[in-house]
Amino acid sequence: MTNDSLKFGNSKKSKFVFFLSILVTTFWLLVNLIDVYKYKIVGVFSELLWLPMLAGLFVLPILSFIFLIKERFSLKSLYFYSILLIGGIFTFMMIK
Protein backbone atom coordinates (compact mmCIF):
# COMPACT_ATOMS: atom_id res chain seq x y z
CA MET A 1 0.00 0.00 0.00
CA THR A 2 1.54 3.27 -1.08
CA ASN A 3 0.56 6.68 0.13
CA ASP A 4 0.80 9.22 -2.71
CA SER A 5 0.90 12.20 -0.37
CA LEU A 6 4.03 10.93 1.38
CA LYS A 7 6.19 10.29 -1.66
CA PHE A 8 7.73 13.40 -3.12
CA GLY A 9 7.31 14.30 -6.72
CA ASN A 10 6.01 17.49 -8.20
CA SER A 11 2.91 16.75 -10.21
CA LYS A 12 1.94 18.47 -13.42
CA LYS A 13 -0.70 20.35 -11.47
CA SER A 14 1.83 21.75 -8.99
CA LYS A 15 4.19 22.76 -11.81
CA PHE A 16 1.32 24.49 -13.62
CA VAL A 17 0.24 26.42 -10.50
CA PHE A 18 3.87 27.41 -9.86
CA PHE A 19 4.27 28.56 -13.48
CA LEU A 20 1.10 30.66 -13.19
CA SER A 21 2.43 32.16 -9.96
CA ILE A 22 5.66 33.13 -11.69
CA LEU A 23 3.66 34.63 -14.56
CA VAL A 24 1.42 36.67 -12.23
CA THR A 25 4.40 37.83 -10.15
CA THR A 26 6.33 38.89 -13.24
CA PHE A 27 3.35 40.77 -14.64
CA TRP A 28 2.75 42.75 -11.45
CA LEU A 29 6.44 43.53 -11.00
CA LEU A 30 6.71 44.83 -14.56
CA VAL A 31 3.50 46.86 -14.32
CA ASN A 32 4.60 48.46 -11.06
CA LEU A 33 8.21 49.15 -12.03
CA ILE A 34 7.92 50.12 -15.71
CA ASP A 35 5.89 52.87 -17.33
CA VAL A 36 3.65 50.64 -19.43
CA TYR A 37 2.04 53.55 -21.24
CA LYS A 38 5.31 54.75 -22.74
CA TYR A 39 4.74 52.36 -25.64
CA LYS A 40 1.19 51.86 -26.86
CA ILE A 41 1.45 48.11 -27.50
CA VAL A 42 2.75 47.44 -23.98
CA GLY A 43 -0.08 49.53 -22.56
CA VAL A 44 -2.62 47.57 -24.59
CA PHE A 45 -1.28 44.24 -23.31
CA SER A 46 -1.24 45.46 -19.72
CA GLU A 47 -4.82 46.69 -20.01
CA LEU A 48 -5.96 43.39 -21.51
CA LEU A 49 -4.19 41.26 -18.92
CA TRP A 50 -4.76 43.19 -15.68
CA LEU A 51 -8.10 41.57 -14.79
CA PRO A 52 -6.98 37.94 -15.26
CA MET A 53 -3.75 38.72 -13.39
CA LEU A 54 -5.70 40.35 -10.57
CA ALA A 55 -7.85 37.23 -10.33
CA GLY A 56 -4.70 35.12 -10.28
CA LEU A 57 -3.28 37.27 -7.50
CA PHE A 58 -6.19 36.30 -5.26
CA VAL A 59 -7.13 32.82 -6.51
CA LEU A 60 -3.70 31.20 -6.81
CA PRO A 61 -2.75 31.46 -3.11
CA ILE A 62 -6.09 29.94 -2.12
CA LEU A 63 -5.69 27.04 -4.55
CA SER A 64 -2.07 26.57 -3.50
CA PHE A 65 -3.05 26.48 0.16
CA ILE A 66 -5.76 23.88 -0.47
CA PHE A 67 -3.35 21.67 -2.41
CA LEU A 68 -0.65 22.24 0.22
CA ILE A 69 -3.03 20.93 2.88
CA LYS A 70 -3.61 17.83 0.76
CA GLU A 71 0.15 17.32 0.60
CA ARG A 72 0.38 17.63 4.39
CA PHE A 73 2.27 20.95 4.40
CA SER A 74 5.39 19.66 2.70
CA LEU A 75 8.03 22.38 2.40
CA LYS A 76 9.35 20.61 -0.71
CA SER A 77 6.07 21.27 -2.50
CA LEU A 78 5.86 23.83 -5.28
CA TYR A 79 2.57 25.00 -3.78
CA PHE A 80 4.48 26.37 -0.80
CA TYR A 81 6.77 28.37 -3.07
CA SER A 82 3.80 29.55 -5.08
CA ILE A 83 2.27 30.99 -1.92
CA LEU A 84 5.58 32.69 -1.09
CA LEU A 85 5.80 34.26 -4.56
CA ILE A 86 2.27 35.60 -4.55
CA GLY A 87 2.55 36.70 -0.93
CA GLY A 88 5.77 38.55 -1.74
CA ILE A 89 4.31 40.42 -4.69
CA PHE A 90 1.15 41.21 -2.75
CA THR A 91 3.27 42.66 0.07
CA PHE A 92 5.37 44.61 -2.44
CA MET A 93 2.24 46.11 -3.98
CA MET A 94 0.87 47.11 -0.57
CA ILE A 95 4.12 48.74 0.52
CA LYS A 96 4.65 50.60 -2.74
C-alpha atoms as a PDB file:
ATOM      1  CA  MET A   1       0.000   0.000   0.000  1.00  0.00           C
ATOM      2  CA  THR A   2       1.544   3.271  -1.082  1.00  0.00           C
ATOM      3  CA  ASN A   3       0.558   6.681   0.126  1.00  0.00           C
ATOM      4  CA  ASP A   4       0.804   9.215  -2.711  1.00  0.00           C
ATOM      5  CA  SER A   5       0.900  12.203  -0.373  1.00  0.00           C
ATOM      6  CA  LEU A   6       4.034  10.926   1.377  1.00  0.00           C
ATOM      7  CA  LYS A   7       6.187  10.294  -1.658  1.00  0.00           C
ATOM      8  CA  PHE A   8       7.732  13.402  -3.118  1.00  0.00           C
ATOM      9  CA  GLY A   9       7.309  14.303  -6.723  1.00  0.00           C
ATOM     10  CA  ASN A  10       6.009  17.487  -8.202  1.00  0.00           C
ATOM     11  CA  SER A  11       2.908  16.748 -10.207  1.00  0.00           C
ATOM     12  CA  LYS A  12       1.943  18.471 -13.418  1.00  0.00           C
ATOM     13  CA  LYS A  13      -0.704  20.354 -11.466  1.00  0.00           C
ATOM     14  CA  SER A  14       1.830  21.754  -8.989  1.00  0.00           C
ATOM     15  CA  LYS A  15       4.190  22.760 -11.809  1.00  0.00           C
ATOM     16  CA  PHE A  16       1.316  24.489 -13.622  1.00  0.00           C
ATOM     17  CA  VAL A  17       0.243  26.421 -10.502  1.00  0.00           C
ATOM     18  CA  PHE A  18       3.865  27.408  -9.859  1.00  0.00           C
ATOM     19  CA  PHE A  19       4.275  28.560 -13.479  1.00  0.00           C
ATOM     20  CA  LEU A  20       1.102  30.662 -13.192  1.00  0.00           C
ATOM     21  CA  SER A  21       2.427  32.161  -9.957  1.00  0.00           C
ATOM     22  CA  ILE A  22       5.657  33.133 -11.686  1.00  0.00           C
ATOM     23  CA  LEU A  23       3.656  34.628 -14.563  1.00  0.00           C
ATOM     24  CA  VAL A  24       1.423  36.674 -12.228  1.00  0.00           C
ATOM     25  CA  THR A  25       4.396  37.829 -10.151  1.00  0.00           C
ATOM     26  CA  THR A  26       6.331  38.888 -13.240  1.00  0.00           C
ATOM     27  CA  PHE A  27       3.352  40.773 -14.636  1.00  0.00           C
ATOM     28  CA  TRP A  28       2.747  42.752 -11.453  1.00  0.00           C
ATOM     29  CA  LEU A  29       6.442  43.533 -11.004  1.00  0.00           C
ATOM     30  CA  LEU A  30       6.710  44.833 -14.556  1.00  0.00           C
ATOM     31  CA  VAL A  31       3.503  46.858 -14.318  1.00  0.00           C
ATOM     32  CA  ASN A  32       4.600  48.464 -11.057  1.00  0.00           C
ATOM     33  CA  LEU A  33       8.212  49.146 -12.030  1.00  0.00           C
ATOM     34  CA  ILE A  34       7.919  50.122 -15.712  1.00  0.00           C
ATOM     35  CA  ASP A  35       5.894  52.874 -17.328  1.00  0.00           C
ATOM     36  CA  VAL A  36       3.646  50.642 -19.427  1.00  0.00           C
ATOM     37  CA  TYR A  37       2.038  53.554 -21.240  1.00  0.00           C
ATOM     38  CA  LYS A  38       5.313  54.751 -22.740  1.00  0.00           C
ATOM     39  CA  TYR A  39       4.738  52.356 -25.638  1.00  0.00           C
ATOM     40  CA  LYS A  40       1.191  51.864 -26.863  1.00  0.00           C
ATOM     41  CA  ILE A  41       1.446  48.109 -27.505  1.00  0.00           C
ATOM     42  CA  VAL A  42       2.747  47.439 -23.982  1.00  0.00           C
ATOM     43  CA  GLY A  43      -0.079  49.531 -22.564  1.00  0.00           C
ATOM     44  CA  VAL A  44      -2.620  47.566 -24.590  1.00  0.00           C
ATOM     45  CA  PHE A  45      -1.285  44.237 -23.308  1.00  0.00           C
ATOM     46  CA  SER A  46      -1.238  45.460 -19.718  1.00  0.00           C
ATOM     47  CA  GLU A  47      -4.821  46.693 -20.010  1.00  0.00           C
ATOM     48  CA  LEU A  48      -5.965  43.388 -21.509  1.00  0.00           C
ATOM     49  CA  LEU A  49      -4.194  41.263 -18.917  1.00  0.00           C
ATOM     50  CA  TRP A  50      -4.758  43.195 -15.680  1.00  0.00           C
ATOM     51  CA  LEU A  51      -8.098  41.574 -14.795  1.00  0.00           C
ATOM     52  CA  PRO A  52      -6.976  37.938 -15.264  1.00  0.00           C
ATOM     53  CA  MET A  53      -3.751  38.716 -13.391  1.00  0.00           C
ATOM     54  CA  LEU A  54      -5.699  40.348 -10.573  1.00  0.00           C
ATOM     55  CA  ALA A  55      -7.849  37.228 -10.328  1.00  0.00           C
ATOM     56  CA  GLY A  56      -4.704  35.120 -10.282  1.00  0.00           C
ATOM     57  CA  LEU A  57      -3.278  37.266  -7.503  1.00  0.00           C
ATOM     58  CA  PHE A  58      -6.186  36.298  -5.256  1.00  0.00           C
ATOM     59  CA  VAL A  59      -7.132  32.815  -6.506  1.00  0.00           C
ATOM     60  CA  LEU A  60      -3.697  31.198  -6.809  1.00  0.00           C
ATOM     61  CA  PRO A  61      -2.754  31.460  -3.109  1.00  0.00           C
ATOM     62  CA  ILE A  62      -6.095  29.937  -2.118  1.00  0.00           C
ATOM     63  CA  LEU A  63      -5.688  27.045  -4.548  1.00  0.00           C
ATOM     64  CA  SER A  64      -2.075  26.565  -3.502  1.00  0.00           C
ATOM     65  CA  PHE A  65      -3.046  26.477   0.156  1.00  0.00           C
ATOM     66  CA  ILE A  66      -5.760  23.882  -0.474  1.00  0.00           C
ATOM     67  CA  PHE A  67      -3.354  21.673  -2.414  1.00  0.00           C
ATOM     68  CA  LEU A  68      -0.650  22.242   0.216  1.00  0.00           C
ATOM     69  CA  ILE A  69      -3.029  20.931   2.880  1.00  0.00           C
ATOM     70  CA  LYS A  70      -3.612  17.826   0.757  1.00  0.00           C
ATOM     71  CA  GLU A  71       0.154  17.315   0.599  1.00  0.00           C
ATOM     72  CA  ARG A  72       0.379  17.633   4.385  1.00  0.00           C
ATOM     73  CA  PHE A  73       2.267  20.954   4.401  1.00  0.00           C
ATOM     74  CA  SER A  74       5.392  19.663   2.695  1.00  0.00           C
ATOM     75  CA  LEU A  75       8.033  22.384   2.400  1.00  0.00           C
ATOM     76  CA  LYS A  76       9.351  20.611  -0.714  1.00  0.00           C
ATOM     77  CA  SER A  77       6.072  21.270  -2.498  1.00  0.00           C
ATOM     78  CA  LEU A  78       5.863  23.825  -5.278  1.00  0.00           C
ATOM     79  CA  TYR A  79       2.568  25.000  -3.783  1.00  0.00           C
ATOM     80  CA  PHE A  80       4.476  26.373  -0.799  1.00  0.00           C
ATOM     81  CA  TYR A  81       6.775  28.371  -3.068  1.00  0.00           C
ATOM     82  CA  SER A  82       3.798  29.555  -5.083  1.00  0.00           C
ATOM     83  CA  ILE A  83       2.274  30.992  -1.915  1.00  0.00           C
ATOM     84  CA  LEU A  84       5.585  32.689  -1.087  1.00  0.00           C
ATOM     85  CA  LEU A  85       5.803  34.261  -4.561  1.00  0.00           C
ATOM     86  CA  ILE A  86       2.269  35.602  -4.554  1.00  0.00           C
ATOM     87  CA  GLY A  87       2.548  36.704  -0.928  1.00  0.00           C
ATOM     88  CA  GLY A  88       5.769  38.547  -1.742  1.00  0.00           C
ATOM     89  CA  ILE A  89       4.314  40.421  -4.692  1.00  0.00           C
ATOM     90  CA  PHE A  90       1.147  41.209  -2.748  1.00  0.00           C
ATOM     91  CA  THR A  91       3.274  42.659   0.068  1.00  0.00           C
ATOM     92  CA  PHE A  92       5.373  44.605  -2.443  1.00  0.00           C
ATOM     93  CA  MET A  93       2.242  46.108  -3.977  1.00  0.00           C
ATOM     94  CA  MET A  94       0.868  47.108  -0.569  1.00  0.00           C
ATOM     95  CA  ILE A  95       4.118  48.740   0.517  1.00  0.00           C
ATOM     96  CA  LYS A  96       4.650  50.604  -2.743  1.00  0.00           C
END
